[in-house]
Amino acid sequence: MLTVIVERLGEVTTLRCLGRIVRGDETAILCPAAHQRGRNIVLDLAQVEAVDAAGIGALVALQAAGVYLKLMDPTEPVREMLKLAKVDSIFEICESQSTAAPTALTPVGLPDLTYS
């Protein structure tokens, strides 16, 4: 299961992902969240335990659609899958975010609902 929490600080939008980015509802939640929040997205992967080919496909599709993704703190399993799929070079991958605390915290989903 994937939970996405949106944090915005000025022009920077961070999508904090918790769980797995895999085929099914998990990728269905991630894609609309990224499209609704702008073109420059920091995707915090510090609490993502797994990503599969469909999850990588969703990330690549977002990038191809003009959403610039910066991948922050990918876990070792996620980092290995990115390398295995040979897509680690198409994303900017960073170890930490150098911005202050977010000013807004909004779970992604339907209005006034939290998806998990």
PDB file of N, CA and C in Angstrom:
ATOM      1  N   MET A   1       0.832  -1.175   0.000  1.00  0.00           N
ATOM      2  CA  MET A   1       0.000   0.000   0.000  1.00  0.00           C
ATOM      3  C   MET A   1       0.884   1.249   0.000  1.00  0.00           C
ATOM      4  N   LEU A   2       0.445   2.289  -0.674  1.00  0.00           N
ATOM      5  CA  LEU A   2       1.203   3.528  -0.773  1.00  0.00           C
ATOM      6  C   LEU A   2       0.403   4.671  -0.181  1.00  0.00           C
ATOM      7  N   THR A   3       1.053   5.469   0.626  1.00  0.00           N
ATOM      8  CA  THR A   3       0.491   6.711   1.123  1.00  0.00           C
ATOM      9  C   THR A   3       1.367   7.834   0.597  1.00  0.00           C
ATOM     10  N   VAL A   4       0.739   8.886   0.075  1.00  0.00           N
ATOM     11  CA  VAL A   4       1.470  10.034  -0.440  1.00  0.00           C
ATOM     12  C   VAL A   4       1.029  11.257   0.341  1.00  0.00           C
ATOM     13  N   ILE A   5       1.995  11.968   0.912  1.00  0.00           N
ATOM     14  CA  ILE A   5       1.725  13.198   1.655  1.00  0.00           C
ATOM     15  C   ILE A   5       2.380  14.339   0.896  1.00  0.00           C
ATOM     16  N   VAL A   6       1.631  15.375   0.620  1.00  0.00           N
ATOM     17  CA  VAL A   6       2.122  16.512  -0.144  1.00  0.00           C
ATOM     18  C   VAL A   6       2.546  17.612   0.810  1.00  0.00           C
ATOM     19  N   GLU A   7       3.768  18.093   0.622  1.00  0.00           N
ATOM     20  CA  GLU A   7       4.290  19.217   1.401  1.00  0.00           C
ATOM     21  C   GLU A   7       4.742  20.284   0.421  1.00  0.00           C
ATOM     22  N   ARG A   8       4.275  21.502   0.633  1.00  0.00           N
ATOM     23  CA  ARG A   8       4.659  22.587  -0.264  1.00  0.00           C
ATOM     24  C   ARG A   8       5.365  23.681   0.505  1.00  0.00           C
ATOM     25  N   LEU A   9       6.440  24.179  -0.099  1.00  0.00           N
ATOM     26  CA  LEU A   9       7.181  25.314   0.433  1.00  0.00           C
ATOM     27  C   LEU A   9       7.523  26.196  -0.754  1.00  0.00           C
ATOM     28  N   GLY A  10       6.738  27.237  -0.948  1.00  0.00           N
ATOM     29  CA  GLY A  10       6.948  28.114  -2.091  1.00  0.00           C
ATOM     30  C   GLY A  10       6.788  27.368  -3.399  1.00  0.00           C
ATOM     31  N   GLU A  11       7.836  27.383  -4.211  1.00  0.00           N
ATOM     32  CA  GLU A  11       7.819  26.732  -5.524  1.00  0.00           C
ATOM     33  C   GLU A  11       8.104  25.232  -5.441  1.00  0.00           C
ATOM     34  N   VAL A  12       8.553  24.748  -4.297  1.00  0.00           N
ATOM     35  CA  VAL A  12       8.963  23.354  -4.156  1.00  0.00           C
ATOM     36  C   VAL A  12       7.820  22.526  -3.589  1.00  0.00           C
ATOM     37  N   THR A  13       7.496  21.440  -4.284  1.00  0.00           N
ATOM     38  CA  THR A  13       6.497  20.493  -3.803  1.00  0.00           C
ATOM     39  C   THR A  13       7.197  19.165  -3.550  1.00  0.00           C
ATOM     40  N   THR A  14       7.023  18.638  -2.360  1.00  0.00           N
ATOM     41  CA  THR A  14       7.591  17.339  -2.012  1.00  0.00           C
ATOM     42  C   THR A  14       6.453  16.344  -1.823  1.00  0.00           C
ATOM     43  N   LEU A  15       6.570  15.213  -2.511  1.00  0.00           N
ATOM     44  CA  LEU A  15       5.635  14.107  -2.300  1.00  0.00           C
ATOM     45  C   LEU A  15       6.350  13.072  -1.459  1.00  0.00           C
ATOM     46  N   ARG A  16       5.942  12.937  -0.199  1.00  0.00           N
ATOM     47  CA  ARG A  16       6.534  11.947   0.696  1.00  0.00           C
ATOM     48  C   ARG A  16       5.766  10.645   0.521  1.00  0.00           C
ATOM     49  N   CYS A  17       6.477   9.640   0.054  1.00  0.00           N
ATOM     50  CA  CYS A  17       5.858   8.342  -0.230  1.00  0.00           C
ATOM     51  C   CYS A  17       6.189   7.365   0.884  1.00  0.00           C
ATOM     52  N   LEU A  18       5.179   6.655   1.349  1.00  0.00           N
ATOM     53  CA  LEU A  18       5.349   5.649   2.388  1.00  0.00           C
ATOM     54  C   LEU A  18       4.721   4.356   1.892  1.00  0.00           C
ATOM     55  N   GLY A  19       5.498   3.289   1.824  1.00  0.00           N
ATOM     56  CA  GLY A  19       4.971   2.005   1.385  1.00  0.00           C
ATOM     57  C   GLY A  19       5.678   1.488   0.156  1.00  0.00           C
ATOM     58  N   ARG A  20       4.889   1.073  -0.852  1.00  0.00           N
ATOM     59  CA  ARG A  20       5.433   0.477  -2.068  1.00  0.00           C
ATOM     60  C   ARG A  20       4.905   1.216  -3.288  1.00  0.00           C
ATOM     61  N   ILE A  21       5.751   1.390  -4.286  1.00  0.00           N
ATOM     62  CA  ILE A  21       5.324   1.950  -5.558  1.00  0.00           C
ATOM     63  C   ILE A  21       5.322   0.772  -6.537  1.00  0.00           C
ATOM     64  N   VAL A  22       4.172   0.134  -6.629  1.00  0.00           N
ATOM     65  CA  VAL A  22       4.047  -1.076  -7.425  1.00  0.00           C
ATOM     66  C   VAL A  22       2.765  -1.022  -8.258  1.00  0.00           C
ATOM     67  N   ARG A  23       2.624  -2.007  -9.123  1.00  0.00           N
ATOM     68  CA  ARG A  23       1.474  -2.077 -10.014  1.00  0.00           C
ATOM     69  C   ARG A  23       0.166  -2.030  -9.229  1.00  0.00           C
ATOM     70  N   GLY A  24      -0.798  -1.281  -9.746  1.00  0.00           N
ATOM     71  CA  GLY A  24      -2.117  -1.229  -9.131  1.00  0.00           C
ATOM     72  C   GLY A  24      -2.423   0.149  -8.571  1.00  0.00           C
ATOM     73  N   ASP A  25      -3.157   0.148  -7.463  1.00  0.00           N
ATOM     74  CA  ASP A  25      -3.604   1.404  -6.867  1.00  0.00           C
ATOM     75  C   ASP A  25      -2.444   2.292  -6.435  1.00  0.00           C
ATOM     76  N   GLU A  26      -1.316   1.691  -6.099  1.00  0.00           N
ATOM     77  CA  GLU A  26      -0.176   2.474  -5.634  1.00  0.00           C
ATOM     78  C   GLU A  26       0.258   3.491  -6.699  1.00  0.00           C
ATOM     79  N   THR A  27       0.429   3.040  -7.942  1.00  0.00           N
ATOM     80  CA  THR A  27       0.837   3.971  -8.992  1.00  0.00           C
ATOM     81  C   THR A  27      -0.317   4.878  -9.391  1.00  0.00           C
ATOM     82  N   ALA A  28      -1.549   4.406  -9.232  1.00  0.00           N
ATOM     83  CA  ALA A  28      -2.713   5.226  -9.557  1.00  0.00           C
ATOM     84  C   ALA A  28      -2.820   6.432  -8.629  1.00  0.00           C
ATOM     85  N   ILE A  29      -2.340   6.331  -7.412  1.00  0.00           N
ATOM     86  CA  ILE A  29      -2.355   7.450  -6.466  1.00  0.00           C
ATOM     87  C   ILE A  29      -1.216   8.418  -6.769  1.00  0.00           C
ATOM     88  N   LEU A  30      -0.050   7.902  -7.093  1.00  0.00           N
ATOM     89  CA  LEU A  30       1.138   8.735  -7.288  1.00  0.00           C
ATOM     90  C   LEU A  30       1.014   9.660  -8.492  1.00  0.00           C
ATOM     91  N   CYS A  31       0.558   9.165  -9.614  1.00  0.00           N
ATOM     92  CA  CYS A  31       0.523   9.961 -10.840  1.00  0.00           C
ATOM     93  C   CYS A  31      -0.374  11.198 -10.739  1.00  0.00           C
ATOM     94  N   PRO A  32      -1.621  11.073 -10.296  1.00  0.00           N
ATOM     95  CA  PRO A  32      -2.443  12.284 -10.161  1.00  0.00           C
ATOM     96  C   PRO A  32      -1.877  13.268  -9.139  1.00  0.00           C
ATOM     97  N   ALA A  33      -1.265  12.774  -8.086  1.00  0.00           N
ATOM     98  CA  ALA A  33      -0.690  13.660  -7.068  1.00  0.00           C
ATOM     99  C   ALA A  33       0.393  14.526  -7.687  1.00  0.00           C
ATOM    100  N   ALA A  34       1.258  13.944  -8.491  1.00  0.00           N
ATOM    101  CA  ALA A  34       2.338  14.696  -9.115  1.00  0.00           C
ATOM    102  C   ALA A  34       1.799  15.687 -10.130  1.00  0.00           C
ATOM    103  N   HIS A  35       0.811  15.303 -10.911  1.00  0.00           N
ATOM    104  CA  HIS A  35       0.262  16.202 -11.925  1.00  0.00           C
ATOM    105  C   HIS A  35      -0.470  17.391 -11.310  1.00  0.00           C
ATOM    106  N   GLN A  36      -1.113  17.210 -10.175  1.00  0.00           N
ATOM    107  CA  GLN A  36      -1.866  18.285  -9.543  1.00  0.00           C
ATOM    108  C   GLN A  36      -0.967  19.309  -8.873  1.00  0.00           C
ATOM    109  N   ARG A  37       0.238  18.956  -8.555  1.00  0.00           N
ATOM    110  CA  ARG A  37       1.082  19.808  -7.712  1.00  0.00           C
ATOM    111  C   ARG A  37       2.138  20.601  -8.456  1.00  0.00           C
ATOM    112  N   GLY A  38       2.216  20.515  -9.771  1.00  0.00           N
ATOM    113  CA  GLY A  38       3.166  21.338 -10.489  1.00  0.00           C
ATOM    114  C   GLY A  38       4.124  20.540 -11.331  1.00  0.00           C
ATOM    115  N   ARG A  39       5.124  21.221 -11.826  1.00  0.00           N
ATOM    116  CA  ARG A  39       6.069  20.610 -12.755  1.00  0.00           C
ATOM    117  C   ARG A  39       7.391  20.225 -12.109  1.00  0.00           C
ATOM    118  N   ASN A  40       7.740  20.776 -10.965  1.00  0.00           N
ATOM    119  CA  ASN A  40       8.982  20.437 -10.269  1.00  0.00           C
ATOM    120  C   ASN A  40       8.643  19.755  -8.955  1.00  0.00           C
ATOM    121  N   ILE A  41       8.909  18.465  -8.914  1.00  0.00           N
ATOM    122  CA  ILE A  41       8.498  17.648  -7.777  1.00  0.00           C
ATOM    123  C   ILE A  41       9.714  16.970  -7.156  1.00  0.00           C
ATOM    124  N   VAL A  42       9.802  17.043  -5.827  1.00  0.00           N
ATOM    125  CA  VAL A  42      10.767  16.237  -5.087  1.00  0.00           C
ATOM    126  C   VAL A  42       9.997  15.034  -4.570  1.00  0.00           C
ATOM    127  N   LEU A  43      10.443  13.855  -4.965  1.00  0.00           N
ATOM    128  CA  LEU A  43       9.792  12.615  -4.554  1.00  0.00           C
ATOM    129  C   LEU A  43      10.636  11.994  -3.452  1.00  0.00           C
ATOM    130  N   ASP A  44      10.154  12.077  -2.209  1.00  0.00           N
ATOM    131  CA  ASP A  44      10.871  11.542  -1.051  1.00  0.00           C
ATOM    132  C   ASP A  44      10.612  10.043  -0.968  1.00  0.00           C
ATOM    133  N   LEU A  45      11.662   9.248  -1.198  1.00  0.00           N
ATOM    134  CA  LEU A  45      11.542   7.794  -1.234  1.00  0.00           C
ATOM    135  C   LEU A  45      12.155   7.123  -0.008  1.00  0.00           C
ATOM    136  N   ALA A  46      12.419   7.883   1.044  1.00  0.00           N
ATOM    137  CA  ALA A  46      13.098   7.356   2.233  1.00  0.00           C
ATOM    138  C   ALA A  46      12.301   6.260   2.928  1.00  0.00           C
ATOM    139  N   GLN A  47      10.980   6.247   2.747  1.00  0.00           N
ATOM    140  CA  GLN A  47      10.153   5.242   3.408  1.00  0.00           C
ATOM    141  C   GLN A  47       9.440   4.334   2.406  1.00  0.00           C
ATOM    142  N   VAL A  48      10.029   4.230   1.210  1.00  0.00           N
ATOM    143  CA  VAL A  48       9.482   3.313   0.200  1.00  0.00           C
ATOM    144  C   VAL A  48      10.271   2.022   0.278  1.00  0.00           C
ATOM    145  N   GLU A  49       9.567   0.942   0.556  1.00  0.00           N
ATOM    146  CA  GLU A  49      10.237  -0.342   0.752  1.00  0.00           C
ATOM    147  C   GLU A  49      10.434  -1.121  -0.538  1.00  0.00           C
ATOM    148  N   ALA A  50       9.642  -0.815  -1.574  1.00  0.00           N
ATOM    149  CA  ALA A  50       9.773  -1.557  -2.830  1.00  0.00           C
ATOM    150  C   ALA A  50       9.227  -0.744  -3.990  1.00  0.00           C
ATOM    151  N   VAL A  51       9.794  -0.984  -5.166  1.00  0.00           N
ATOM    152  CA  VAL A  51       9.287  -0.438  -6.418  1.00  0.00           C
ATOM    153  C   VAL A  51       9.427  -1.549  -7.459  1.00  0.00           C
ATOM    154  N   ASP A  52       8.408  -1.702  -8.316  1.00  0.00           N
ATOM    155  CA  ASP A  52       8.492  -2.721  -9.359  1.00  0.00           C
ATOM    156  C   ASP A  52       8.527  -2.039 -10.726  1.00  0.00           C
ATOM    157  N   ALA A  53       8.454  -2.845 -11.789  1.00  0.00           N
ATOM    158  CA  ALA A  53       8.532  -2.302 -13.145  1.00  0.00           C
ATOM    159  C   ALA A  53       7.411  -1.311 -13.426  1.00  0.00           C
ATOM    160  N   ALA A  54       6.208  -1.581 -12.921  1.00  0.00           N
ATOM    161  CA  ALA A  54       5.095  -0.647 -13.122  1.00  0.00           C
ATOM    162  C   ALA A  54       5.336   0.666 -12.389  1.00  0.00           C
ATOM    163  N   GLY A  55       5.911   0.596 -11.198  1.00  0.00           N
ATOM    164  CA  GLY A  55       6.243   1.807 -10.453  1.00  0.00           C
ATOM    165  C   GLY A  55       7.295   2.631 -11.167  1.00  0.00           C
ATOM    166  N   ILE A  56       8.314   1.966 -11.680  1.00  0.00           N
ATOM    167  CA  ILE A  56       9.344   2.669 -12.449  1.00  0.00           C
ATOM    168  C   ILE A  56       8.728   3.255 -13.714  1.00  0.00           C
ATOM    169  N   GLY A  57       7.826   2.489 -14.332  1.00  0.00           N
ATOM    170  CA  GLY A  57       7.136   2.992 -15.515  1.00  0.00           C
ATOM    171  C   GLY A  57       6.338   4.248 -15.222  1.00  0.00           C
ATOM    172  N   ALA A  58       5.700   4.301 -14.059  1.00  0.00           N
ATOM    173  CA  ALA A  58       4.937   5.495 -13.668  1.00  0.00           C
ATOM    174  C   ALA A  58       5.864   6.695 -13.495  1.00  0.00           C
ATOM    175  N   LEU A  59       7.030   6.480 -12.884  1.00  0.00           N
ATOM    176  CA  LEU A  59       7.990   7.573 -12.704  1.00  0.00           C
ATOM    177  C   LEU A  59       8.501   8.072 -14.054  1.00  0.00           C
ATOM    178  N   VAL A  60       8.826   7.152 -14.946  1.00  0.00           N
ATOM    179  CA  VAL A  60       9.311   7.519 -16.278  1.00  0.00           C
ATOM    180  C   VAL A  60       8.218   8.249 -17.059  1.00  0.00           C
ATOM    181  N   ALA A  61       6.971   7.783 -16.934  1.00  0.00           N
ATOM    182  CA  ALA A  61       5.854   8.431 -17.626  1.00  0.00           C
ATOM    183  C   ALA A  61       5.648   9.864 -17.143  1.00  0.00           C
ATOM    184  N   LEU A  62       5.789  10.073 -15.843  1.00  0.00           N
ATOM    185  CA  LEU A  62       5.671  11.430 -15.309  1.00  0.00           C
ATOM    186  C   LEU A  62       6.768  12.320 -15.878  1.00  0.00           C
ATOM    187  N   GLN A  63       7.985  11.818 -15.910  1.00  0.00           N
ATOM    188  CA  GLN A  63       9.118  12.574 -16.441  1.00  0.00           C
ATOM    189  C   GLN A  63       8.868  12.884 -17.926  1.00  0.00           C
ATOM    190  N   ALA A  64       8.384  11.908 -18.682  1.00  0.00           N
ATOM    191  CA  ALA A  64       8.116  12.093 -20.106  1.00  0.00           C
ATOM    192  C   ALA A  64       6.985  13.092 -20.348  1.00  0.00           C
ATOM    193  N   ALA A  65       6.071  13.203 -19.391  1.00  0.00           N
ATOM    194  CA  ALA A  65       4.951  14.139 -19.502  1.00  0.00           C
ATOM    195  C   ALA A  65       5.328  15.556 -19.093  1.00  0.00           C
ATOM    196  N   GLY A  66       6.581  15.769 -18.766  1.00  0.00           N
ATOM    197  CA  GLY A  66       7.037  17.111 -18.435  1.00  0.00           C
ATOM    198  C   GLY A  66       7.094  17.426 -16.961  1.00  0.00           C
ATOM    199  N   VAL A  67       6.871  16.436 -16.100  1.00  0.00           N
ATOM    200  CA  VAL A  67       7.003  16.644 -14.659  1.00  0.00           C
ATOM    201  C   VAL A  67       8.444  16.318 -14.288  1.00  0.00           C
ATOM    202  N   TYR A  68       9.193  17.335 -13.816  1.00  0.00           N
ATOM    203  CA  TYR A  68      10.581  17.099 -13.441  1.00  0.00           C
ATOM    204  C   TYR A  68      10.610  16.489 -12.049  1.00  0.00           C
ATOM    205  N   LEU A  69      11.113  15.256 -11.963  1.00  0.00           N
ATOM    206  CA  LEU A  69      11.184  14.554 -10.686  1.00  0.00           C
ATOM    207  C   LEU A  69      12.607  14.526 -10.157  1.00  0.00           C
ATOM    208  N   LYS A  70      12.755  14.952  -8.929  1.00  0.00           N
ATOM    209  CA  LYS A  70      14.018  14.774  -8.201  1.00  0.00           C
ATOM    210  C   LYS A  70      13.739  13.702  -7.156  1.00  0.00           C
ATOM    211  N   LEU A  71      14.485  12.614  -7.203  1.00  0.00           N
ATOM    212  CA  LEU A  71      14.279  11.512  -6.271  1.00  0.00           C
ATOM    213  C   LEU A  71      15.175  11.715  -5.056  1.00  0.00           C
ATOM    214  N   MET A  72      14.574  11.795  -3.874  1.00  0.00           N
ATOM    215  CA  MET A  72      15.312  12.083  -2.652  1.00  0.00           C
ATOM    216  C   MET A  72      15.348  10.858  -1.750  1.00  0.00           C
ATOM    217  N   ASP A  73      16.528  10.539  -1.264  1.00  0.00           N
ATOM    218  CA  ASP A  73      16.752   9.479  -0.279  1.00  0.00           C
ATOM    219  C   ASP A  73      16.127   8.133  -0.655  1.00  0.00           C
ATOM    220  N   PRO A  74      16.371   7.627  -1.866  1.00  0.00           N
ATOM    221  CA  PRO A  74      15.815   6.308  -2.183  1.00  0.00           C
ATOM    222  C   PRO A  74      16.440   5.232  -1.290  1.00  0.00           C
ATOM    223  N   THR A  75      15.625   4.307  -0.844  1.00  0.00           N
ATOM    224  CA  THR A  75      16.122   3.186  -0.044  1.00  0.00           C
ATOM    225  C   THR A  75      16.983   2.301  -0.938  1.00  0.00           C
ATOM    226  N   GLU A  76      17.742   1.419  -0.332  1.00  0.00           N
ATOM    227  CA  GLU A  76      18.628   0.543  -1.114  1.00  0.00           C
ATOM    228  C   GLU A  76      17.860  -0.328  -2.112  1.00  0.00           C
ATOM    229  N   PRO A  77      16.709  -0.944  -1.724  1.00  0.00           N
ATOM    230  CA  PRO A  77      15.961  -1.732  -2.713  1.00  0.00           C
ATOM    231  C   PRO A  77      15.477  -0.885  -3.901  1.00  0.00           C
ATOM    232  N   VAL A  78      15.060   0.337  -3.630  1.00  0.00           N
ATOM    233  CA  VAL A  78      14.602   1.226  -4.702  1.00  0.00           C
ATOM    234  C   VAL A  78      15.776   1.623  -5.591  1.00  0.00           C
ATOM    235  N   ARG A  79      16.877   1.978  -4.976  1.00  0.00           N
ATOM    236  CA  ARG A  79      18.083   2.357  -5.726  1.00  0.00           C
ATOM    237  C   ARG A  79      18.537   1.205  -6.637  1.00  0.00           C
ATOM    238  N   GLU A  80      18.493  -0.026  -6.115  1.00  0.00           N
ATOM    239  CA  GLU A  80      18.894  -1.194  -6.905  1.00  0.00           C
ATOM    240  C   GLU A  80      17.964  -1.411  -8.098  1.00  0.00           C
ATOM    241  N   MET A  81      16.656  -1.234  -7.886  1.00  0.00           N
ATOM    242  CA  MET A  81      15.712  -1.405  -8.996  1.00  0.00           C
ATOM    243  C   MET A  81      15.903  -0.335 -10.063  1.00  0.00           C
ATOM    244  N   LEU A  82      16.191   0.898  -9.656  1.00  0.00           N
ATOM    245  CA  LEU A  82      16.450   1.959 -10.623  1.00  0.00           C
ATOM    246  C   LEU A  82      17.679   1.630 -11.468  1.00  0.00           C
ATOM    247  N   LYS A  83      18.728   1.101 -10.809  1.00  0.00           N
ATOM    248  CA  LYS A  83      19.940   0.705 -11.535  1.00  0.00           C
ATOM    249  C   LYS A  83      19.672  -0.480 -12.445  1.00  0.00           C
ATOM    250  N   LEU A  84      18.955  -1.469 -11.943  1.00  0.00           N
ATOM    251  CA  LEU A  84      18.640  -2.666 -12.718  1.00  0.00           C
ATOM    252  C   LEU A  84      17.850  -2.311 -13.983  1.00  0.00           C
ATOM    253  N   ALA A  85      16.911  -1.388 -13.848  1.00  0.00           N
ATOM    254  CA  ALA A  85      16.096  -0.951 -14.982  1.00  0.00           C
ATOM    255  C   ALA A  85      16.834   0.060 -15.862  1.00  0.00           C
ATOM    256  N   LYS A  86      18.018   0.470 -15.426  1.00  0.00           N
ATOM    257  CA  LYS A  86      18.859   1.429 -16.157  1.00  0.00           C
ATOM    258  C   LYS A  86      18.165   2.775 -16.367  1.00  0.00           C
ATOM    259  N   VAL A  87      17.438   3.218 -15.344  1.00  0.00           N
ATOM    260  CA  VAL A  87      16.788   4.522 -15.409  1.00  0.00           C
ATOM    261  C   VAL A  87      17.341   5.485 -14.359  1.00  0.00           C
ATOM    262  N   ASP A  88      18.325   5.030 -13.591  1.00  0.00           N
ATOM    263  CA  ASP A  88      18.884   5.896 -12.558  1.00  0.00           C
ATOM    264  C   ASP A  88      19.545   7.131 -13.149  1.00  0.00           C
ATOM    265  N   SER A  89      19.939   7.090 -14.407  1.00  0.00           N
ATOM    266  CA  SER A  89      20.601   8.247 -15.026  1.00  0.00           C
ATOM    267  C   SER A  89      19.613   9.277 -15.568  1.00  0.00           C
ATOM    268  N   ILE A  90      18.316   8.940 -15.658  1.00  0.00           N
ATOM    269  CA  ILE A  90      17.372   9.926 -16.189  1.00  0.00           C
ATOM    270  C   ILE A  90      16.725  10.783 -15.099  1.00  0.00           C
ATOM    271  N   PHE A  91      16.971  10.420 -13.851  1.00  0.00           N
ATOM    272  CA  PHE A  91      16.445  11.187 -12.730  1.00  0.00           C
ATOM    273  C   PHE A  91      17.588  11.816 -11.949  1.00  0.00           C
ATOM    274  N   GLU A  92      17.335  12.987 -11.379  1.00  0.00           N
ATOM    275  CA  GLU A  92      18.282  13.551 -10.422  1.00  0.00           C
ATOM    276  C   GLU A  92      18.005  12.860  -9.093  1.00  0.00           C
ATOM    277  N   ILE A  93      19.036  12.265  -8.505  1.00  0.00           N
ATOM    278  CA  ILE A  93      18.891  11.557  -7.232  1.00  0.00           C
ATOM    279  C   ILE A  93      19.727  12.283  -6.202  1.00  0.00           C
ATOM    280  N   CYS A  94      19.098  12.660  -5.091  1.00  0.00           N
ATOM    281  CA  CYS A  94      19.822  13.367  -4.039  1.00  0.00           C
ATOM    282  C   CYS A  94      19.626  12.642  -2.714  1.00  0.00           C
ATOM    283  N   GLU A  95      20.505  12.924  -1.784  1.00  0.00           N
ATOM    284  CA  GLU A  95      20.478  12.248  -0.483  1.00  0.00           C
ATOM    285  C   GLU A  95      19.666  12.979   0.565  1.00  0.00           C
ATOM    286  N   SER A  96      19.493  14.283   0.414  1.00  0.00           N
ATOM    287  CA  SER A  96      18.694  15.018   1.387  1.00  0.00           C
ATOM    288  C   SER A  96      18.163  16.281   0.749  1.00  0.00           C
ATOM    289  N   GLN A  97      17.178  16.875   1.390  1.00  0.00           N
ATOM    290  CA  GLN A  97      16.564  18.092   0.886  1.00  0.00           C
ATOM    291  C   GLN A  97      17.082  19.272   1.688  1.00  0.00           C
ATOM    292  N   SER A  98      17.480  20.333   1.005  1.00  0.00           N
ATOM    293  CA  SER A  98      18.062  21.488   1.697  1.00  0.00           C
ATOM    294  C   SER A  98      17.077  22.643   1.789  1.00  0.00           C
ATOM    295  N   THR A  99      15.825  22.323   2.153  1.00  0.00           N
ATOM    296  CA  THR A  99      14.835  23.374   2.345  1.00  0.00           C
ATOM    297  C   THR A  99      14.346  23.340   3.784  1.00  0.00           C
ATOM    298  N   ALA A 100      13.730  24.414   4.193  1.00  0.00           N
ATOM    299  CA  ALA A 100      13.192  24.503   5.551  1.00  0.00           C
ATOM    300  C   ALA A 100      11.940  23.645   5.668  1.00  0.00           C
ATOM    301  N   ALA A 101      11.370  23.610   6.842  1.00  0.00           N
ATOM    302  CA  ALA A 101      10.164  22.819   7.084  1.00  0.00           C
ATOM    303  C   ALA A 101       9.038  23.287   6.173  1.00  0.00           C
ATOM    304  N   PRO A 102       8.190  22.368   5.716  1.00  0.00           N
ATOM    305  CA  PRO A 102       7.102  22.725   4.814  1.00  0.00           C
ATOM    306  C   PRO A 102       6.063  23.600   5.498  1.00  0.00           C
ATOM    307  N   THR A 103       5.383  24.418   4.685  1.00  0.00           N
ATOM    308  CA  THR A 103       4.350  25.281   5.230  1.00  0.00           C
ATOM    309  C   THR A 103       2.971  24.654   5.139  1.00  0.00           C
ATOM    310  N   ALA A 104       2.810  23.668   4.263  1.00  0.00           N
ATOM    311  CA  ALA A 104       1.505  23.029   4.114  1.00  0.00           C
ATOM    312  C   ALA A 104       1.688  21.523   4.055  1.00  0.00           C
ATOM    313  N   LEU A 105       0.774  20.808   4.683  1.00  0.00           N
ATOM    314  CA  LEU A 105       0.824  19.353   4.697  1.00  0.00           C
ATOM    315  C   LEU A 105      -0.563  18.856   4.313  1.00  0.00           C
ATOM    316  N   THR A 106      -0.676  18.172   3.169  1.00  0.00           N
ATOM    317  CA  THR A 106      -1.961  17.739   2.664  1.00  0.00           C
ATOM    318  C   THR A 106      -1.885  16.310   2.183  1.00  0.00           C
ATOM    319  N   PRO A 107      -2.646  15.370   2.775  1.00  0.00           N
ATOM    320  CA  PRO A 107      -2.694  14.024   2.212  1.00  0.00           C
ATOM    321  C   PRO A 107      -3.346  14.079   0.833  1.00  0.00           C
ATOM    322  N   VAL A 108      -2.877  13.230  -0.076  1.00  0.00           N
ATOM    323  CA  VAL A 108      -3.387  13.222  -1.437  1.00  0.00           C
ATOM    324  C   VAL A 108      -4.537  12.238  -1.557  1.00  0.00           C
ATOM    325  N   GLY A 109      -5.544  12.607  -2.280  1.00  0.00           N
ATOM    326  CA  GLY A 109      -6.686  11.745  -2.523  1.00  0.00           C
ATOM    327  C   GLY A 109      -7.862  12.613  -2.941  1.00  0.00           C
ATOM    328  N   LEU A 110      -9.053  12.140  -2.709  1.00  0.00           N
ATOM    329  CA  LEU A 110     -10.217  12.962  -2.964  1.00  0.00           C
ATOM    330  C   LEU A 110     -10.259  14.079  -1.924  1.00  0.00           C
ATOM    331  N   PRO A 111     -10.944  15.178  -2.211  1.00  0.00           N
ATOM    332  CA  PRO A 111     -11.009  16.260  -1.235  1.00  0.00           C
ATOM    333  C   PRO A 111     -11.433  15.761   0.143  1.00  0.00           C
ATOM    334  N   ASP A 112     -10.711  16.176   1.142  1.00  0.00           N
ATOM    335  CA  ASP A 112     -10.985  15.853   2.541  1.00  0.00           C
ATOM    336  C   ASP A 112     -10.858  14.362   2.875  1.00  0.00           C
ATOM    337  N   LEU A 113     -10.162  13.585   2.054  1.00  0.00           N
ATOM    338  CA  LEU A 113      -9.948  12.178   2.340  1.00  0.00           C
ATOM    339  C   LEU A 113      -8.464  11.876   2.307  1.00  0.00           C
ATOM    340  N   THR A 114      -8.063  10.833   3.002  1.00  0.00           N
ATOM    341  CA  THR A 114      -6.688  10.365   2.994  1.00  0.00           C
ATOM    342  C   THR A 114      -6.656   9.000   2.331  1.00  0.00           C
ATOM    343  N   TYR A 115      -5.743   8.844   1.372  1.00  0.00           N
ATOM    344  CA  TYR A 115      -5.569   7.534   0.728  1.00  0.00           C
ATOM    345  C   TYR A 115      -4.381   6.833   1.342  1.00  0.00           C
ATOM    346  N   SER A 116      -4.564   5.589   1.614  1.00  0.00           N
ATOM    347  CA  SER A 116      -3.480   4.742   2.108  1.00  0.00           C
ATOM    348  C   SER A 116      -3.548   3.407   1.427  1.00  0.00           C
TER     349      SER A 116
END
